[in-house]
């Protein structure tokens, strides 16, 4: 049975804990903007102002991060993503950290910042949910990075990947020169090359022209987490 719009919204972390009646009351004065996309369409660009809550109603999304110095690009498939960077609507840097695009046809729902502040934030559950989203994002990132060693070349490569990933799991494709990676992690190109070739033999990465790909990010750090 196909879910109703309210049932879909209740699955999003922002509205978890609300009843259908409570959600109906909260949303009764909020404008809901729906946009349909085709596979390959961009939803937002890296560096765009983050002024809206953007929910993915259906479809699947990927993210692309471009280093500010144009040293590398990281492309990630994010099949479980439901909302685009709600934690970046506040704070000193209110911009999207990466570009998000559809890998399938899909639909988004947008709620603007004004409606969020004037309507949604008046509800205690919504306010706590948004606070939890921001806190969980920070805590998970800090814990994961602080607990991972960076003594060996392999550990340094994995920590680099974790640092720039939007999610510490799933498929990744990194476009960069091997020398660039060596410079970033302060190792020699030979050491990086030997390590990546070993990781390829173990089935952890796949070397490609101009970079490498990862089938499942979690496999890289489970071995020493």
C-alpha atoms as a PDB file:
ATOM      1  CA  UNK A   1       0.000   0.000   0.000  1.00  0.00           C
ATOM      2  CA  UNK A   2       1.385   3.398  -0.976  1.00  0.00           C
ATOM      3  CA  UNK A   3       2.115   5.725   1.934  1.00  0.00           C
ATOM      4  CA  UNK A   4       0.253   9.005   2.320  1.00  0.00           C
ATOM      5  CA  UNK A   5       2.258  12.237   2.336  1.00  0.00           C
ATOM      6  CA  UNK A   6       1.926  12.594   6.115  1.00  0.00           C
ATOM      7  CA  UNK A   7       3.053   8.979   6.591  1.00  0.00           C
ATOM      8  CA  UNK A   8       6.120   9.708   4.463  1.00  0.00           C
ATOM      9  CA  UNK A   9       6.910  12.855   6.445  1.00  0.00           C
ATOM     10  CA  UNK A  10       6.639  10.981   9.732  1.00  0.00           C
ATOM     11  CA  UNK A  11       9.484   8.729   8.555  1.00  0.00           C
ATOM     12  CA  UNK A  12      11.861  11.697   8.350  1.00  0.00           C
ATOM     13  CA  UNK A  13      13.985  12.355  11.465  1.00  0.00           C
ATOM     14  CA  UNK A  14      12.680  15.933  11.746  1.00  0.00           C
ATOM     15  CA  UNK A  15       9.130  14.730  12.429  1.00  0.00           C
ATOM     16  CA  UNK A  16       9.691  11.453  14.273  1.00  0.00           C
ATOM     17  CA  UNK A  17       7.631  11.291  17.449  1.00  0.00           C
ATOM     18  CA  UNK A  18       4.735  13.355  16.104  1.00  0.00           C
ATOM     19  CA  UNK A  19       1.293  11.866  15.576  1.00  0.00           C
ATOM     20  CA  UNK A  20      -0.466  12.340  12.245  1.00  0.00           C
ATOM     21  CA  UNK A  21      -2.762  14.875  13.910  1.00  0.00           C
ATOM     22  CA  UNK A  22       0.165  16.811  15.405  1.00  0.00           C
ATOM     23  CA  UNK A  23       1.967  16.840  12.064  1.00  0.00           C
ATOM     24  CA  UNK A  24      -1.175  18.045  10.293  1.00  0.00           C
ATOM     25  CA  UNK A  25      -1.458  20.894  12.785  1.00  0.00           C
ATOM     26  CA  UNK A  26       2.227  21.833  12.479  1.00  0.00           C
ATOM     27  CA  UNK A  27       2.145  21.791   8.662  1.00  0.00           C
ATOM     28  CA  UNK A  28      -1.247  23.449   8.190  1.00  0.00           C
ATOM     29  CA  UNK A  29       0.295  26.908   7.708  1.00  0.00           C
ATOM     30  CA  UNK A  30       3.493  25.826   5.965  1.00  0.00           C
ATOM     31  CA  UNK A  31       3.982  25.988   2.213  1.00  0.00           C
ATOM     32  CA  UNK A  32       5.181  22.699   0.754  1.00  0.00           C
ATOM     33  CA  UNK A  33       7.087  22.956  -2.535  1.00  0.00           C
ATOM     34  CA  UNK A  34       7.418  19.737  -4.537  1.00  0.00           C
ATOM     35  CA  UNK A  35       9.929  19.415  -7.380  1.00  0.00           C
ATOM     36  CA  UNK A  36      10.286  16.479  -9.773  1.00  0.00           C
ATOM     37  CA  UNK A  37      13.731  15.552 -11.084  1.00  0.00           C
ATOM     38  CA  UNK A  38      15.179  13.237 -13.699  1.00  0.00           C
ATOM     39  CA  UNK A  39      18.206  11.027 -13.134  1.00  0.00           C
ATOM     40  CA  UNK A  40      21.329  13.185 -13.333  1.00  0.00           C
ATOM     41  CA  UNK A  41      19.607  16.425 -12.295  1.00  0.00           C
ATOM     42  CA  UNK A  42      21.300  18.484  -9.590  1.00  0.00           C
ATOM     43  CA  UNK A  43      19.255  19.431  -6.528  1.00  0.00           C
ATOM     44  CA  UNK A  44      21.763  21.870  -5.017  1.00  0.00           C
ATOM     45  CA  UNK A  45      25.349  22.828  -5.798  1.00  0.00           C
ATOM     46  CA  UNK A  46      28.307  22.851  -3.448  1.00  0.00           C
ATOM     47  CA  UNK A  47      28.551  26.361  -2.011  1.00  0.00           C
ATOM     48  CA  UNK A  48      24.861  27.227  -2.504  1.00  0.00           C
ATOM     49  CA  UNK A  49      23.216  28.951   0.446  1.00  0.00           C
ATOM     50  CA  UNK A  50      21.509  26.416   2.735  1.00  0.00           C
ATOM     51  CA  UNK A  51      18.231  28.231   3.355  1.00  0.00           C
ATOM     52  CA  UNK A  52      15.720  25.407   3.054  1.00  0.00           C
ATOM     53  CA  UNK A  53      14.895  22.003   4.428  1.00  0.00           C
ATOM     54  CA  UNK A  54      14.987  19.717   1.388  1.00  0.00           C
ATOM     55  CA  UNK A  55      13.534  16.229   1.818  1.00  0.00           C
ATOM     56  CA  UNK A  56      13.854  13.406  -0.666  1.00  0.00           C
ATOM     57  CA  UNK A  57      10.338  12.002  -1.099  1.00  0.00           C
ATOM     58  CA  UNK A  58      11.414   9.322  -3.566  1.00  0.00           C
ATOM     59  CA  UNK A  59      14.423   8.472  -5.692  1.00  0.00           C
ATOM     60  CA  UNK A  60      18.100   8.014  -4.809  1.00  0.00           C
ATOM     61  CA  UNK A  61      20.809  10.626  -4.395  1.00  0.00           C
ATOM     62  CA  UNK A  62      24.563  10.906  -4.833  1.00  0.00           C
ATOM     63  CA  UNK A  63      26.874  13.614  -3.532  1.00  0.00           C
ATOM     64  CA  UNK A  64      29.964  15.141  -5.117  1.00  0.00           C
ATOM     65  CA  UNK A  65      32.585  16.999  -3.115  1.00  0.00           C
ATOM     66  CA  UNK A  66      35.192  19.119  -4.906  1.00  0.00           C
ATOM     67  CA  UNK A  67      38.236  20.192  -2.954  1.00  0.00           C
ATOM     68  CA  UNK A  68      38.566  23.988  -2.743  1.00  0.00           C
ATOM     69  CA  UNK A  69      42.045  23.775  -4.288  1.00  0.00           C
ATOM     70  CA  UNK A  70      40.820  21.449  -7.070  1.00  0.00           C
ATOM     71  CA  UNK A  71      43.112  18.680  -5.859  1.00  0.00           C
ATOM     72  CA  UNK A  72      40.490  15.935  -5.832  1.00  0.00           C
ATOM     73  CA  UNK A  73      36.814  15.050  -6.206  1.00  0.00           C
ATOM     74  CA  UNK A  74      34.862  12.539  -4.119  1.00  0.00           C
ATOM     75  CA  UNK A  75      31.635  11.053  -5.474  1.00  0.00           C
ATOM     76  CA  UNK A  76      29.401   9.106  -3.070  1.00  0.00           C
ATOM     77  CA  UNK A  77      26.229   7.115  -3.506  1.00  0.00           C
ATOM     78  CA  UNK A  78      23.802   7.867  -0.653  1.00  0.00           C
ATOM     79  CA  UNK A  79      20.791   5.558  -1.035  1.00  0.00           C
ATOM     80  CA  UNK A  80      19.552   6.172   2.528  1.00  0.00           C
ATOM     81  CA  UNK A  81      19.707   9.973   2.477  1.00  0.00           C
ATOM     82  CA  UNK A  82      16.379  11.590   3.440  1.00  0.00           C
ATOM     83  CA  UNK A  83      17.185  15.282   4.016  1.00  0.00           C
ATOM     84  CA  UNK A  84      19.988  17.489   2.667  1.00  0.00           C
ATOM     85  CA  UNK A  85      22.307  18.929   5.339  1.00  0.00           C
ATOM     86  CA  UNK A  86      19.756  20.345   7.809  1.00  0.00           C
ATOM     87  CA  UNK A  87      22.658  21.044  10.193  1.00  0.00           C
ATOM     88  CA  UNK A  88      24.056  23.648   7.760  1.00  0.00           C
ATOM     89  CA  UNK A  89      20.981  25.873   7.975  1.00  0.00           C
ATOM     90  CA  UNK A  90      22.493  27.406  11.106  1.00  0.00           C
ATOM     91  CA  UNK A  91      25.935  28.394  12.317  1.00  0.00           C
ATOM     92  CA  UNK A  92      28.667  30.448  10.706  1.00  0.00           C
ATOM     93  CA  UNK A  93      28.856  28.553   7.384  1.00  0.00           C
ATOM     94  CA  UNK A  94      25.317  28.220   6.042  1.00  0.00           C
ATOM     95  CA  UNK A  95      26.188  26.643   2.690  1.00  0.00           C
ATOM     96  CA  UNK A  96      25.928  23.175   1.204  1.00  0.00           C
ATOM     97  CA  UNK A  97      29.192  21.304   1.613  1.00  0.00           C
ATOM     98  CA  UNK A  98      28.760  19.337  -1.616  1.00  0.00           C
ATOM     99  CA  UNK A  99      26.631  18.972  -4.730  1.00  0.00           C
ATOM    100  CA  UNK A 100      23.644  16.611  -4.553  1.00  0.00           C
ATOM    101  CA  UNK A 101      22.180  15.000  -7.661  1.00  0.00           C
ATOM    102  CA  UNK A 102      19.606  12.336  -8.426  1.00  0.00           C
ATOM    103  CA  UNK A 103      20.838   8.950  -9.637  1.00  0.00           C
ATOM    104  CA  UNK A 104      17.224   8.001 -10.432  1.00  0.00           C
ATOM    105  CA  UNK A 105      14.092   9.972 -11.163  1.00  0.00           C
ATOM    106  CA  UNK A 106      12.850  11.474  -7.911  1.00  0.00           C
ATOM    107  CA  UNK A 107      10.886  14.123  -6.043  1.00  0.00           C
ATOM    108  CA  UNK A 108      11.904  16.562  -3.327  1.00  0.00           C
ATOM    109  CA  UNK A 109       9.880  18.518  -0.796  1.00  0.00           C
ATOM    110  CA  UNK A 110      11.200  21.929   0.249  1.00  0.00           C
ATOM    111  CA  UNK A 111      10.308  23.925   3.373  1.00  0.00           C
ATOM    112  CA  UNK A 112      11.918  27.354   3.580  1.00  0.00           C
ATOM    113  CA  UNK A 113      13.881  28.625   6.579  1.00  0.00           C
ATOM    114  CA  UNK A 114      11.273  31.266   7.475  1.00  0.00           C
ATOM    115  CA  UNK A 115       8.555  28.618   7.820  1.00  0.00           C
ATOM    116  CA  UNK A 116      10.924  26.469   9.841  1.00  0.00           C
ATOM    117  CA  UNK A 117      11.678  29.251  12.309  1.00  0.00           C
ATOM    118  CA  UNK A 118       8.190  30.735  12.538  1.00  0.00           C
ATOM    119  CA  UNK A 119       6.119  27.541  12.465  1.00  0.00           C
ATOM    120  CA  UNK A 120       7.950  24.255  12.850  1.00  0.00           C
ATOM    121  CA  UNK A 121      10.335  25.331  15.601  1.00  0.00           C
ATOM    122  CA  UNK A 122       7.370  26.211  17.798  1.00  0.00           C
ATOM    123  CA  UNK A 123       6.794  22.479  18.222  1.00  0.00           C
ATOM    124  CA  UNK A 124       8.963  21.017  20.983  1.00  0.00           C
ATOM    125  CA  UNK A 125       9.378  17.637  19.276  1.00  0.00           C
ATOM    126  CA  UNK A 126      10.502  19.175  15.980  1.00  0.00           C
ATOM    127  CA  UNK A 127      12.892  21.496  17.812  1.00  0.00           C
ATOM    128  CA  UNK A 128      14.431  18.614  19.787  1.00  0.00           C
ATOM    129  CA  UNK A 129      14.686  16.456  16.651  1.00  0.00           C
ATOM    130  CA  UNK A 130      16.597  19.176  14.793  1.00  0.00           C
ATOM    131  CA  UNK A 131      18.903  19.653  17.751  1.00  0.00           C
ATOM    132  CA  UNK A 132      19.514  15.899  17.899  1.00  0.00           C
ATOM    133  CA  UNK A 133      20.305  15.789  14.174  1.00  0.00           C
ATOM    134  CA  UNK A 134      22.951  18.493  14.559  1.00  0.00           C
ATOM    135  CA  UNK A 135      24.428  16.990  17.750  1.00  0.00           C
ATOM    136  CA  UNK A 136      24.486  13.443  16.372  1.00  0.00           C
ATOM    137  CA  UNK A 137      26.240  14.605  13.218  1.00  0.00           C
ATOM    138  CA  UNK A 138      28.962  16.339  15.224  1.00  0.00           C
ATOM    139  CA  UNK A 139      29.386  13.558  17.787  1.00  0.00           C
ATOM    140  CA  UNK A 140      29.530  10.733  15.256  1.00  0.00           C
ATOM    141  CA  UNK A 141      32.061  12.570  13.118  1.00  0.00           C
ATOM    142  CA  UNK A 142      34.285  13.484  16.059  1.00  0.00           C
ATOM    143  CA  UNK A 143      34.125   9.997  17.564  1.00  0.00           C
ATOM    144  CA  UNK A 144      34.892   8.233  14.309  1.00  0.00           C
ATOM    145  CA  UNK A 145      37.863  10.444  13.465  1.00  0.00           C
ATOM    146  CA  UNK A 146      39.289  10.578  16.990  1.00  0.00           C
ATOM    147  CA  UNK A 147      39.152   6.803  17.436  1.00  0.00           C
ATOM    148  CA  UNK A 148      40.844   5.921  14.167  1.00  0.00           C
ATOM    149  CA  UNK A 149      44.664   5.643  14.234  1.00  0.00           C
ATOM    150  CA  UNK A 150      46.822   7.302  11.603  1.00  0.00           C
ATOM    151  CA  UNK A 151      50.185   5.712  12.119  1.00  0.00           C
ATOM    152  CA  UNK A 152      50.577   3.586   8.978  1.00  0.00           C
ATOM    153  CA  UNK A 153      50.104   4.634   5.361  1.00  0.00           C
ATOM    154  CA  UNK A 154      46.908   2.602   5.164  1.00  0.00           C
ATOM    155  CA  UNK A 155      45.519   4.219   8.278  1.00  0.00           C
ATOM    156  CA  UNK A 156      46.330   7.667   6.918  1.00  0.00           C
ATOM    157  CA  UNK A 157      44.534   6.896   3.645  1.00  0.00           C
ATOM    158  CA  UNK A 158      41.457   5.643   5.472  1.00  0.00           C
ATOM    159  CA  UNK A 159      41.423   8.666   7.777  1.00  0.00           C
ATOM    160  CA  UNK A 160      41.652  10.968   4.764  1.00  0.00           C
ATOM    161  CA  UNK A 161      38.641   9.224   3.220  1.00  0.00           C
ATOM    162  CA  UNK A 162      36.650   9.436   6.458  1.00  0.00           C
ATOM    163  CA  UNK A 163      37.471  13.123   6.803  1.00  0.00           C
ATOM    164  CA  UNK A 164      35.984  14.041   3.439  1.00  0.00           C
ATOM    165  CA  UNK A 165      33.105  11.545   3.278  1.00  0.00           C
ATOM    166  CA  UNK A 166      29.587  12.752   3.998  1.00  0.00           C
ATOM    167  CA  UNK A 167      28.763   9.250   5.289  1.00  0.00           C
ATOM    168  CA  UNK A 168      31.279   6.673   6.597  1.00  0.00           C
ATOM    169  CA  UNK A 169      29.760   3.876   4.520  1.00  0.00           C
ATOM    170  CA  UNK A 170      28.682   3.012   0.998  1.00  0.00           C
ATOM    171  CA  UNK A 171      30.273   3.395  -2.412  1.00  0.00           C
ATOM    172  CA  UNK A 172      32.888   6.084  -3.068  1.00  0.00           C
ATOM    173  CA  UNK A 173      34.763   7.182  -6.159  1.00  0.00           C
ATOM    174  CA  UNK A 174      37.811   9.394  -5.694  1.00  0.00           C
ATOM    175  CA  UNK A 175      39.336  11.267  -8.624  1.00  0.00           C
ATOM    176  CA  UNK A 176      42.847  12.409  -7.765  1.00  0.00           C
ATOM    177  CA  UNK A 177      46.474  11.869  -8.635  1.00  0.00           C
ATOM    178  CA  UNK A 178      48.427   9.478  -6.450  1.00  0.00           C
ATOM    179  CA  UNK A 179      51.006  12.182  -5.802  1.00  0.00           C
ATOM    180  CA  UNK A 180      48.250  14.466  -4.558  1.00  0.00           C
ATOM    181  CA  UNK A 181      47.094  11.878  -2.046  1.00  0.00           C
ATOM    182  CA  UNK A 182      50.704  11.356  -0.959  1.00  0.00           C
ATOM    183  CA  UNK A 183      51.152  15.100  -0.405  1.00  0.00           C
ATOM    184  CA  UNK A 184      47.927  15.392   1.617  1.00  0.00           C
ATOM    185  CA  UNK A 185      48.792  12.553   4.006  1.00  0.00           C
ATOM    186  CA  UNK A 186      52.524  13.446   4.075  1.00  0.00           C
ATOM    187  CA  UNK A 187      53.813  10.217   2.579  1.00  0.00           C
ATOM    188  CA  UNK A 188      55.835   9.294  -0.482  1.00  0.00           C
ATOM    189  CA  UNK A 189      54.102   8.450  -3.726  1.00  0.00           C
ATOM    190  CA  UNK A 190      55.752   5.013  -3.682  1.00  0.00           C
ATOM    191  CA  UNK A 191      54.373   4.193  -0.237  1.00  0.00           C
ATOM    192  CA  UNK A 192      50.880   5.296  -1.261  1.00  0.00           C
ATOM    193  CA  UNK A 193      51.066   3.315  -4.503  1.00  0.00           C
ATOM    194  CA  UNK A 194      52.232   0.152  -2.743  1.00  0.00           C
ATOM    195  CA  UNK A 195      49.535   0.475  -0.073  1.00  0.00           C
ATOM    196  CA  UNK A 196      46.714   1.042  -2.548  1.00  0.00           C
ATOM    197  CA  UNK A 197      47.864  -1.918  -4.640  1.00  0.00           C
ATOM    198  CA  UNK A 198      47.838  -4.103  -1.521  1.00  0.00           C
ATOM    199  CA  UNK A 199      44.358  -2.864  -0.642  1.00  0.00           C
ATOM    200  CA  UNK A 200      43.243  -3.688  -4.180  1.00  0.00           C
ATOM    201  CA  UNK A 201      44.528  -7.244  -3.832  1.00  0.00           C
ATOM    202  CA  UNK A 202      42.473  -7.515  -0.631  1.00  0.00           C
ATOM    203  CA  UNK A 203      39.360  -6.371  -2.486  1.00  0.00           C
ATOM    204  CA  UNK A 204      39.053  -3.116  -0.539  1.00  0.00           C
ATOM    205  CA  UNK A 205      39.635  -0.652  -3.375  1.00  0.00           C
ATOM    206  CA  UNK A 206      39.748  -0.713  -7.159  1.00  0.00           C
ATOM    207  CA  UNK A 207      42.439   1.355  -8.835  1.00  0.00           C
ATOM    208  CA  UNK A 208      41.367   3.309 -11.893  1.00  0.00           C
ATOM    209  CA  UNK A 209      42.935   5.779 -14.241  1.00  0.00           C
ATOM    210  CA  UNK A 210      43.081   9.047 -12.340  1.00  0.00           C
ATOM    211  CA  UNK A 211      41.877   7.692  -9.005  1.00  0.00           C
ATOM    212  CA  UNK A 212      40.254   4.727  -7.274  1.00  0.00           C
ATOM    213  CA  UNK A 213      36.864   3.476  -6.118  1.00  0.00           C
ATOM    214  CA  UNK A 214      35.566   1.794  -2.956  1.00  0.00           C
ATOM    215  CA  UNK A 215      32.672  -0.667  -3.020  1.00  0.00           C
ATOM    216  CA  UNK A 216      31.943  -0.354   0.720  1.00  0.00           C
ATOM    217  CA  UNK A 217      33.651   2.230   2.876  1.00  0.00           C
ATOM    218  CA  UNK A 218      32.995   0.396   6.149  1.00  0.00           C
ATOM    219  CA  UNK A 219      35.191  -2.499   5.017  1.00  0.00           C
ATOM    220  CA  UNK A 220      38.225  -0.199   5.143  1.00  0.00           C
ATOM    221  CA  UNK A 221      38.065   0.716   8.799  1.00  0.00           C
ATOM    222  CA  UNK A 222      36.286  -2.281  10.331  1.00  0.00           C
ATOM    223  CA  UNK A 223      39.604  -4.115  10.218  1.00  0.00           C
ATOM    224  CA  UNK A 224      41.214  -1.761  12.693  1.00  0.00           C
ATOM    225  CA  UNK A 225      38.227  -0.170  14.482  1.00  0.00           C
END
